[in-house]
């Protein structure tokens, strides 16, 4: 814990993680596991039960989130949630036929809970070495999000880079990701403003609130959430959201787990121009195919941004030798890989350097070998959200026993 507090700038990428990747530094392992667990909370808390009238939202109220997902006990890195944010996820017709976005699947028929903004408490600040503001983005869960995932065409990111983003050197980004990030619906209580605007508004407030402290901004996500975190991180720096009213700029770090590619070569140039206040680390599991899409081509198309850290969970002696795409892509599997991957090349191998509970690997998959006696897919809501009422009857609540989500 002390090491992380003392070297947080380096762990957050101030030197682009030089010398920390291969072999993987022990403090960086713990750092990435911490932020990965904060990101995993968005999966663990999401209500995906289609029978629930609250399907598509968070099961837990903001004050209870971290306790409910197991991030309170034994964890020195204390945070408090300051805001939940929501995003539209809709099917869109291909141009030139597109007239409007038509929501086809969401708990409110228009919006889905996509993640949260949180800030380190005083206790967390002492353990982390600074006041950390964190944004965590959820990966793909809803069917309509899969539709957006496969909208591979590149579009100008004008809301991030301005109206000048229509020239030949303008950054182009994944259409579906950009849609989820920037779309709003005036008829929705939860998305009258976009996920982007919800986050940037809260970020401005927190940056000003803590302007006299040492502050970091960390943007995290897994899969779809990693791509959205990448857009979010570059947006914050490009538009000066990380600057106080006095002009002081706080560093921004993106941590992208299992991220697909997000933009083209001009987007990569825009990322490079955003340094030194922006650093991004992409973690990819060797057999995971998601980081390979959409494809890059010699003459254009998509490009990776930031620094890449490769792990290989298949080297672990704890997991089944025959697996599949979803086990390789699962975030808990990634965190197991971070805990044990020695490195790549001559350092290739696996050893549990971080003593992390292996049962977490099976939280939402069945990947551990049978001999460890851990049931597969063991993370489920108690009684599937059925809550007994005072009269003895049972009612499907699906979230914090009567908690009703309020619009942001």
Protein backbone atom coordinates (compact mmCIF):
# COMPACT_ATOMS: atom_id res chain seq x y z
CA UNK A 1 0.00 0.00 0.00
CA UNK A 2 2.79 2.40 0.88
CA UNK A 3 4.56 1.82 -2.42
CA UNK A 4 1.47 2.75 -4.42
CA UNK A 5 0.95 5.95 -2.46
CA UNK A 6 4.57 6.96 -2.98
CA UNK A 7 4.81 6.19 -6.72
CA UNK A 8 1.27 6.81 -7.96
CA UNK A 9 2.43 9.26 -10.67
CA UNK A 10 4.63 6.59 -12.27
CA UNK A 11 1.92 3.92 -11.89
CA UNK A 12 -0.52 6.32 -13.54
CA UNK A 13 1.77 6.64 -16.56
CA UNK A 14 3.87 9.76 -16.01
CA UNK A 15 6.78 7.90 -17.67
CA UNK A 16 4.52 5.86 -19.99
CA UNK A 17 5.05 2.79 -17.78
CA UNK A 18 8.65 2.45 -19.01
CA UNK A 19 10.38 -0.44 -17.24
CA UNK A 20 7.19 -1.59 -15.51
CA UNK A 21 5.64 -3.79 -18.20
CA UNK A 22 8.03 -6.66 -18.89
CA UNK A 23 8.50 -8.06 -16.31
CA UNK A 24 5.31 -6.72 -14.78
CA UNK A 25 6.02 -4.57 -11.73
CA UNK A 26 4.38 -5.80 -8.50
CA UNK A 27 2.97 -2.39 -7.62
CA UNK A 28 1.56 -1.97 -11.12
CA UNK A 29 -0.08 -5.39 -10.79
CA UNK A 30 -1.85 -4.30 -7.62
CA UNK A 31 -2.71 -0.94 -9.16
CA UNK A 32 -4.34 -2.51 -12.21
CA UNK A 33 -6.19 -5.07 -10.10
CA UNK A 34 -7.56 -2.27 -7.92
CA UNK A 35 -8.93 -0.33 -10.88
CA UNK A 36 -10.07 -3.54 -12.57
CA UNK A 37 -12.11 -4.42 -9.50
CA UNK A 38 -13.62 -0.94 -9.51
CA UNK A 39 -14.58 -1.56 -13.14
CA UNK A 40 -15.91 -5.06 -12.39
CA UNK A 41 -18.38 -3.41 -10.01
CA UNK A 42 -20.26 -2.07 -13.05
CA UNK A 43 -20.86 -5.65 -14.22
CA UNK A 44 -21.64 -7.07 -10.79
CA UNK A 45 -24.20 -4.37 -9.99
CA UNK A 46 -26.00 -4.27 -13.33
CA UNK A 47 -29.55 -5.61 -13.36
CA UNK A 48 -29.77 -7.73 -16.51
CA UNK A 49 -32.84 -9.71 -15.44
CA UNK A 50 -35.36 -9.15 -18.22
CA UNK A 51 -38.22 -10.08 -15.85
CA UNK A 52 -37.46 -7.12 -13.63
CA UNK A 53 -39.15 -3.78 -14.19
CA UNK A 54 -35.75 -2.29 -13.34
CA UNK A 55 -33.76 -4.36 -15.85
CA UNK A 56 -31.05 -2.15 -17.29
CA UNK A 57 -30.28 -0.15 -14.18
CA UNK A 58 -28.00 -0.60 -11.15
CA UNK A 59 -29.24 -2.96 -8.46
CA UNK A 60 -27.84 -0.84 -5.67
CA UNK A 61 -28.11 2.73 -4.46
CA UNK A 62 -25.04 4.95 -4.72
CA UNK A 63 -24.09 4.84 -1.00
CA UNK A 64 -24.34 1.02 -0.96
CA UNK A 65 -22.59 0.14 -4.21
CA UNK A 66 -19.11 -0.76 -2.98
CA UNK A 67 -20.35 -2.69 0.06
CA UNK A 68 -22.79 -4.68 -2.08
CA UNK A 69 -20.17 -5.72 -4.66
CA UNK A 70 -17.56 -6.73 -2.08
CA UNK A 71 -15.20 -3.77 -2.34
CA UNK A 72 -15.54 -2.53 1.22
CA UNK A 73 -14.10 -5.25 3.47
CA UNK A 74 -10.31 -5.44 3.61
CA UNK A 75 -9.92 -2.75 0.97
CA UNK A 76 -7.83 0.31 1.97
CA UNK A 77 -8.77 2.20 -1.21
CA UNK A 78 -12.00 3.81 -0.08
CA UNK A 79 -14.20 5.78 -2.47
CA UNK A 80 -17.65 7.27 -2.41
CA UNK A 81 -19.91 7.37 -5.47
CA UNK A 82 -20.86 10.92 -6.44
CA UNK A 83 -22.88 10.16 -9.58
CA UNK A 84 -24.43 7.35 -11.60
CA UNK A 85 -24.55 7.98 -15.34
CA UNK A 86 -26.73 6.56 -18.09
CA UNK A 87 -26.42 6.13 -21.84
CA UNK A 88 -28.83 5.56 -24.67
CA UNK A 89 -28.31 2.30 -26.49
CA UNK A 90 -30.38 2.11 -29.63
CA UNK A 91 -30.52 0.51 -33.01
CA UNK A 92 -29.82 2.97 -35.79
CA UNK A 93 -30.61 2.47 -39.45
CA UNK A 94 -27.65 2.75 -41.84
CA UNK A 95 -27.24 5.96 -43.81
CA UNK A 96 -28.89 7.30 -45.91
CA UNK A 97 -32.03 5.81 -44.39
CA UNK A 98 -31.46 7.02 -40.84
CA UNK A 99 -34.17 9.41 -39.69
CA UNK A 100 -33.97 9.03 -35.95
CA UNK A 101 -32.62 6.61 -33.36
CA UNK A 102 -35.18 4.01 -32.33
CA UNK A 103 -34.69 2.52 -28.84
CA UNK A 104 -35.27 -1.21 -28.96
CA UNK A 105 -34.11 -2.42 -25.58
CA UNK A 106 -33.65 -0.63 -22.26
CA UNK A 107 -35.07 -0.82 -18.74
CA UNK A 108 -36.69 2.59 -19.18
CA UNK A 109 -37.07 1.83 -22.91
CA UNK A 110 -34.56 4.59 -23.53
CA UNK A 111 -31.62 4.38 -21.14
CA UNK A 112 -29.22 1.97 -19.48
CA UNK A 113 -26.99 2.45 -16.45
CA UNK A 114 -23.44 2.59 -17.81
CA UNK A 115 -21.32 3.28 -14.73
CA UNK A 116 -20.39 5.73 -12.05
CA UNK A 117 -18.19 8.61 -10.98
CA UNK A 118 -16.54 8.29 -7.56
CA UNK A 119 -13.94 10.13 -5.52
CA UNK A 120 -11.47 8.84 -2.95
CA UNK A 121 -12.45 9.52 0.66
CA UNK A 122 -9.90 10.95 3.08
CA UNK A 123 -8.95 7.38 4.04
CA UNK A 124 -8.68 6.41 0.39
CA UNK A 125 -6.62 9.50 -0.34
CA UNK A 126 -4.09 8.48 2.32
CA UNK A 127 -3.76 4.98 0.82
CA UNK A 128 -3.57 6.21 -2.79
CA UNK A 129 -1.28 9.19 -2.20
CA UNK A 130 -3.71 11.73 -3.68
CA UNK A 131 -7.40 12.51 -4.16
CA UNK A 132 -8.42 10.22 -7.01
CA UNK A 133 -11.48 10.94 -9.15
CA UNK A 134 -12.53 7.82 -11.00
CA UNK A 135 -14.96 7.11 -13.83
CA UNK A 136 -15.85 3.47 -14.50
CA UNK A 137 -17.59 2.33 -17.68
CA UNK A 138 -19.47 -0.95 -18.08
CA UNK A 139 -18.95 -3.39 -20.93
CA UNK A 140 -21.59 -4.76 -23.31
CA UNK A 141 -24.58 -6.46 -21.69
CA UNK A 142 -27.81 -5.30 -23.32
CA UNK A 143 -28.77 -6.69 -26.77
CA UNK A 144 -29.05 -3.20 -28.25
CA UNK A 145 -25.48 -2.46 -27.17
CA UNK A 146 -24.35 -5.36 -29.33
CA UNK A 147 -25.98 -3.60 -32.28
CA UNK A 148 -23.92 -0.49 -31.59
CA UNK A 149 -20.77 -2.58 -31.12
CA UNK A 150 -21.01 -3.73 -34.72
CA UNK A 151 -21.49 -0.26 -36.21
CA UNK A 152 -17.89 -0.25 -37.43
CA UNK A 153 -18.04 2.76 -39.76
CA UNK A 154 -15.85 5.73 -38.83
CA UNK A 155 -17.47 9.11 -38.16
CA UNK A 156 -16.08 12.56 -37.20
CA UNK A 157 -16.02 13.08 -33.43
CA UNK A 158 -17.23 16.69 -33.63
CA UNK A 159 -18.51 16.85 -30.05
CA UNK A 160 -15.02 16.03 -28.79
CA UNK A 161 -12.81 17.82 -31.31
CA UNK A 162 -15.10 20.65 -32.50
CA UNK A 163 -16.68 21.55 -35.80
CA UNK A 164 -13.28 21.54 -37.48
CA UNK A 165 -13.41 17.78 -37.15
CA UNK A 166 -14.82 17.53 -40.67
CA UNK A 167 -11.56 18.20 -42.55
CA UNK A 168 -9.26 15.50 -43.92
CA UNK A 169 -7.07 15.48 -40.81
CA UNK A 170 -10.02 15.20 -38.44
CA UNK A 171 -10.11 12.33 -35.94
CA UNK A 172 -12.59 9.63 -36.93
CA UNK A 173 -14.05 7.23 -34.36
CA UNK A 174 -16.22 4.11 -34.19
CA UNK A 175 -19.77 5.13 -34.99
CA UNK A 176 -21.49 2.84 -32.45
CA UNK A 177 -19.19 3.81 -29.57
CA UNK A 178 -19.55 7.50 -30.39
CA UNK A 179 -23.33 7.12 -30.47
CA UNK A 180 -23.47 5.60 -26.98
CA UNK A 181 -21.09 8.24 -25.66
CA UNK A 182 -22.79 11.34 -27.10
CA UNK A 183 -26.47 10.58 -27.72
CA UNK A 184 -29.27 12.14 -25.74
CA UNK A 185 -33.04 11.83 -25.75
CA UNK A 186 -35.16 14.77 -24.55
CA UNK A 187 -38.02 12.36 -23.82
CA UNK A 188 -35.93 10.31 -21.38
CA UNK A 189 -35.73 11.13 -17.70
CA UNK A 190 -32.27 9.55 -17.60
CA UNK A 191 -30.83 10.73 -20.90
CA UNK A 192 -32.12 14.23 -21.40
CA UNK A 193 -28.37 14.78 -21.56
CA UNK A 194 -25.80 12.33 -22.92
CA UNK A 195 -23.50 10.12 -20.88
CA UNK A 196 -20.73 12.43 -22.01
CA UNK A 197 -22.42 15.55 -20.67
CA UNK A 198 -23.40 13.86 -17.41
CA UNK A 199 -19.79 12.90 -16.73
CA UNK A 200 -18.16 16.14 -17.88
CA UNK A 201 -20.54 18.18 -15.72
CA UNK A 202 -19.71 16.11 -12.65
CA UNK A 203 -16.00 16.20 -13.48
CA UNK A 204 -16.01 20.00 -13.65
CA UNK A 205 -17.68 20.14 -10.24
CA UNK A 206 -15.21 17.74 -8.61
CA UNK A 207 -12.13 19.34 -10.20
CA UNK A 208 -13.17 22.71 -8.79
CA UNK A 209 -14.16 21.23 -5.42
CA UNK A 210 -10.69 19.72 -4.94
CA UNK A 211 -8.70 22.36 -6.81
CA UNK A 212 -6.40 22.99 -3.85
CA UNK A 213 -5.44 19.31 -3.41
CA UNK A 214 -3.25 16.88 -5.31
CA UNK A 215 -5.71 15.19 -7.67
CA UNK A 216 -5.65 12.47 -10.31
CA UNK A 217 -8.38 11.55 -12.78
CA UNK A 218 -8.61 7.87 -13.70
CA UNK A 219 -10.95 6.64 -16.43
CA UNK A 220 -11.50 2.87 -16.55
CA UNK A 221 -13.51 0.43 -18.62
CA UNK A 222 -13.76 -3.12 -19.90
CA UNK A 223 -14.54 -4.12 -23.50
CA UNK A 224 -17.15 -1.64 -24.83
CA UNK A 225 -16.50 0.31 -21.62
CA UNK A 226 -12.78 0.44 -22.43
CA UNK A 227 -13.52 2.08 -25.79
CA UNK A 228 -15.88 4.54 -24.10
CA UNK A 229 -13.26 5.23 -21.42
CA UNK A 230 -10.76 6.00 -24.18
CA UNK A 231 -13.15 8.53 -25.75
CA UNK A 232 -13.92 9.96 -22.32
CA UNK A 233 -10.26 10.37 -21.32
CA UNK A 234 -9.20 12.15 -24.50
CA UNK A 235 -12.35 14.30 -24.34
CA UNK A 236 -11.54 15.47 -20.81
CA UNK A 237 -8.02 16.57 -21.76
CA UNK A 238 -8.86 17.97 -25.20
CA UNK A 239 -11.56 20.21 -23.72
CA UNK A 240 -9.71 21.17 -20.55
CA UNK A 241 -12.17 19.51 -18.17
CA UNK A 242 -9.17 18.48 -16.05
CA UNK A 243 -8.23 22.14 -15.44
CA UNK A 244 -9.25 24.21 -12.44
CA UNK A 245 -10.53 27.76 -12.72
CA UNK A 246 -6.98 28.86 -11.93
CA UNK A 247 -5.63 26.89 -14.91
CA UNK A 248 -4.01 24.03 -13.00
CA UNK A 249 -4.23 20.78 -15.02
CA UNK A 250 -4.69 17.48 -13.21
CA UNK A 251 -3.25 14.34 -14.89
CA UNK A 252 -5.67 11.98 -16.63
CA UNK A 253 -5.04 8.24 -16.93
CA UNK A 254 -7.05 5.80 -19.02
CA UNK A 255 -6.98 2.12 -18.07
CA UNK A 256 -8.57 0.04 -20.80
CA UNK A 257 -9.13 -3.68 -20.23
CA UNK A 258 -9.84 -5.82 -23.32
CA UNK A 259 -10.47 -2.77 -25.46
CA UNK A 260 -11.49 -2.88 -29.10
CA UNK A 261 -9.95 -0.24 -31.33
CA UNK A 262 -11.70 3.12 -31.05
CA UNK A 263 -10.52 5.45 -33.80
CA UNK A 264 -8.36 6.02 -36.87
CA UNK A 265 -4.80 7.34 -37.36
CA UNK A 266 -5.97 10.95 -36.88
CA UNK A 267 -7.55 9.91 -33.58
CA UNK A 268 -4.20 8.41 -32.61
CA UNK A 269 -2.51 11.72 -33.51
CA UNK A 270 -5.03 13.56 -31.34
CA UNK A 271 -4.21 11.21 -28.46
CA UNK A 272 -0.47 11.83 -28.91
CA UNK A 273 -1.10 15.59 -28.90
CA UNK A 274 -2.98 15.30 -25.60
CA UNK A 275 0.12 14.26 -23.67
CA UNK A 276 1.71 15.01 -21.19
CA UNK A 277 -1.61 15.34 -19.33
CA UNK A 278 -3.05 12.11 -20.76
CA UNK A 279 -1.69 8.56 -20.56
CA UNK A 280 -3.50 5.38 -21.51
CA UNK A 281 -2.64 1.76 -20.79
CA UNK A 282 -4.36 -1.03 -22.73
CA UNK A 283 -4.37 -4.47 -21.12
CA UNK A 284 -4.98 -7.39 -23.47
CA UNK A 285 -5.07 -11.13 -22.95
CA UNK A 286 -3.10 -12.86 -25.72
CA UNK A 287 -5.89 -15.13 -27.04
CA UNK A 288 -8.65 -12.51 -26.72
CA UNK A 289 -9.84 -11.47 -30.19
CA UNK A 290 -11.74 -8.33 -29.14
CA UNK A 291 -8.63 -6.06 -29.10
CA UNK A 292 -8.05 -7.02 -32.74
CA UNK A 293 -11.30 -5.48 -33.95
CA UNK A 294 -12.18 -3.42 -35.87
CA UNK A 295 -9.18 -4.24 -38.08
CA UNK A 296 -6.41 -1.87 -39.08
CA UNK A 297 -5.35 -1.71 -42.72
CA UNK A 298 -2.08 -0.51 -44.33
CA UNK A 299 -3.93 2.43 -45.89
CA UNK A 300 -6.20 3.55 -43.06
CA UNK A 301 -8.84 2.18 -40.77
CA UNK A 302 -8.46 1.73 -37.04
CA UNK A 303 -5.35 2.26 -34.91
CA UNK A 304 -4.44 1.45 -31.31
CA UNK A 305 -3.58 4.27 -28.93
CA UNK A 306 -1.53 4.32 -25.76
CA UNK A 307 0.76 1.67 -24.26
CA UNK A 308 -0.07 -2.02 -24.48
CA UNK A 309 0.38 -4.53 -21.66
CA UNK A 310 0.02 -8.16 -22.71
CA UNK A 311 -0.96 -10.96 -20.36
CA UNK A 312 -1.73 -14.61 -21.07
CA UNK A 313 -4.28 -16.29 -18.83
CA UNK A 314 -3.95 -19.59 -20.73
CA UNK A 315 -0.53 -20.02 -19.08
CA UNK A 316 -2.21 -20.24 -15.67
CA UNK A 317 -2.19 -23.66 -14.06
CA UNK A 318 -5.46 -22.85 -12.32
CA UNK A 319 -7.67 -22.67 -15.42
CA UNK A 320 -9.01 -25.32 -17.77
CA UNK A 321 -6.73 -25.97 -20.76
CA UNK A 322 -9.67 -25.95 -23.18
CA UNK A 323 -11.60 -22.74 -23.04
CA UNK A 324 -13.30 -20.21 -25.31
CA UNK A 325 -13.63 -16.62 -26.38
CA UNK A 326 -15.72 -15.47 -23.42
CA UNK A 327 -13.38 -16.90 -20.80
CA UNK A 328 -10.47 -15.17 -22.50
CA UNK A 329 -12.38 -11.86 -22.65
CA UNK A 330 -13.90 -11.92 -19.14
CA UNK A 331 -12.62 -9.15 -16.85
CA UNK A 332 -12.12 -11.41 -13.82
CA UNK A 333 -9.98 -13.63 -16.03
CA UNK A 334 -7.97 -10.56 -17.00
CA UNK A 335 -7.38 -9.69 -13.35
CA UNK A 336 -6.23 -13.26 -12.69
CA UNK A 337 -3.80 -12.81 -15.57
CA UNK A 338 -2.49 -9.54 -14.17
CA UNK A 339 -1.90 -11.27 -10.82
CA UNK A 340 0.20 -14.03 -12.35
CA UNK A 341 1.59 -13.30 -15.82
CA UNK A 342 5.39 -13.08 -15.59
CA UNK A 343 5.89 -11.32 -18.90
CA UNK A 344 6.22 -12.03 -22.60
CA UNK A 345 9.02 -13.56 -24.66
CA UNK A 346 11.83 -14.97 -22.55
CA UNK A 347 9.88 -14.05 -19.42
CA UNK A 348 6.84 -16.02 -20.55
CA UNK A 349 5.17 -17.97 -17.77
CA UNK A 350 2.70 -17.74 -14.90
CA UNK A 351 3.09 -17.48 -11.15
CA UNK A 352 0.62 -15.99 -8.66
CA UNK A 353 2.77 -13.02 -7.68
CA UNK A 354 -0.27 -11.29 -6.19
CA UNK A 355 -2.17 -13.40 -3.68
CA UNK A 356 -5.59 -12.87 -5.26
CA UNK A 357 -8.49 -15.20 -4.47
CA UNK A 358 -8.76 -17.58 -7.44
CA UNK A 359 -12.47 -18.15 -6.79
CA UNK A 360 -13.10 -14.74 -8.35
CA UNK A 361 -12.16 -16.23 -11.73
CA UNK A 362 -15.44 -18.17 -11.68
CA UNK A 363 -17.59 -15.23 -10.66
CA UNK A 364 -19.30 -15.02 -14.04
CA UNK A 365 -17.70 -17.93 -15.92
CA UNK A 366 -16.72 -21.58 -15.40
CA UNK A 367 -13.00 -21.37 -16.10
CA UNK A 368 -11.25 -22.85 -13.05
CA UNK A 369 -10.22 -26.48 -13.01
CA UNK A 370 -12.66 -28.80 -11.24
CA UNK A 371 -10.12 -29.67 -8.54
CA UNK A 372 -10.47 -26.21 -6.96
CA UNK A 373 -14.13 -26.91 -6.11
CA UNK A 374 -15.41 -23.47 -7.05
CA UNK A 375 -18.83 -23.42 -8.74
CA UNK A 376 -19.06 -21.67 -12.06
CA UNK A 377 -21.00 -18.42 -12.48
CA UNK A 378 -21.49 -18.08 -8.75
CA UNK A 379 -22.19 -14.31 -8.71
CA UNK A 380 -25.99 -14.07 -8.61
CA UNK A 381 -28.45 -11.81 -6.85
CA UNK A 382 -29.89 -13.46 -3.75
CA UNK A 383 -33.19 -15.13 -4.65
CA UNK A 384 -32.84 -13.50 -8.09
CA UNK A 385 -34.13 -10.24 -6.66
CA UNK A 386 -37.25 -11.66 -5.02
CA UNK A 387 -37.77 -9.86 -1.70
CA UNK A 388 -40.20 -10.99 0.99
CA UNK A 389 -42.75 -8.35 1.98
CA UNK A 390 -44.13 -7.67 5.47
CA UNK A 391 -47.26 -9.71 4.73
CA UNK A 392 -45.18 -12.76 3.81
CA UNK A 393 -45.60 -12.43 0.02
CA UNK A 394 -42.69 -12.18 -2.37
CA UNK A 395 -42.11 -9.42 -4.90
CA UNK A 396 -39.48 -8.99 -7.58
CA UNK A 397 -37.56 -5.87 -6.61
CA UNK A 398 -34.30 -6.46 -8.45
CA UNK A 399 -32.46 -3.65 -6.69
CA UNK A 400 -31.71 -2.41 -3.16
CA UNK A 401 -34.99 -3.51 -1.54
CA UNK A 402 -37.16 -0.67 -2.69
CA UNK A 403 -34.49 1.74 -3.94
CA UNK A 404 -35.83 3.67 -6.91
CA UNK A 405 -33.21 5.20 -9.23
CA UNK A 406 -33.51 8.92 -9.69
CA UNK A 407 -32.62 10.77 -12.90
CA UNK A 408 -29.11 12.26 -12.92
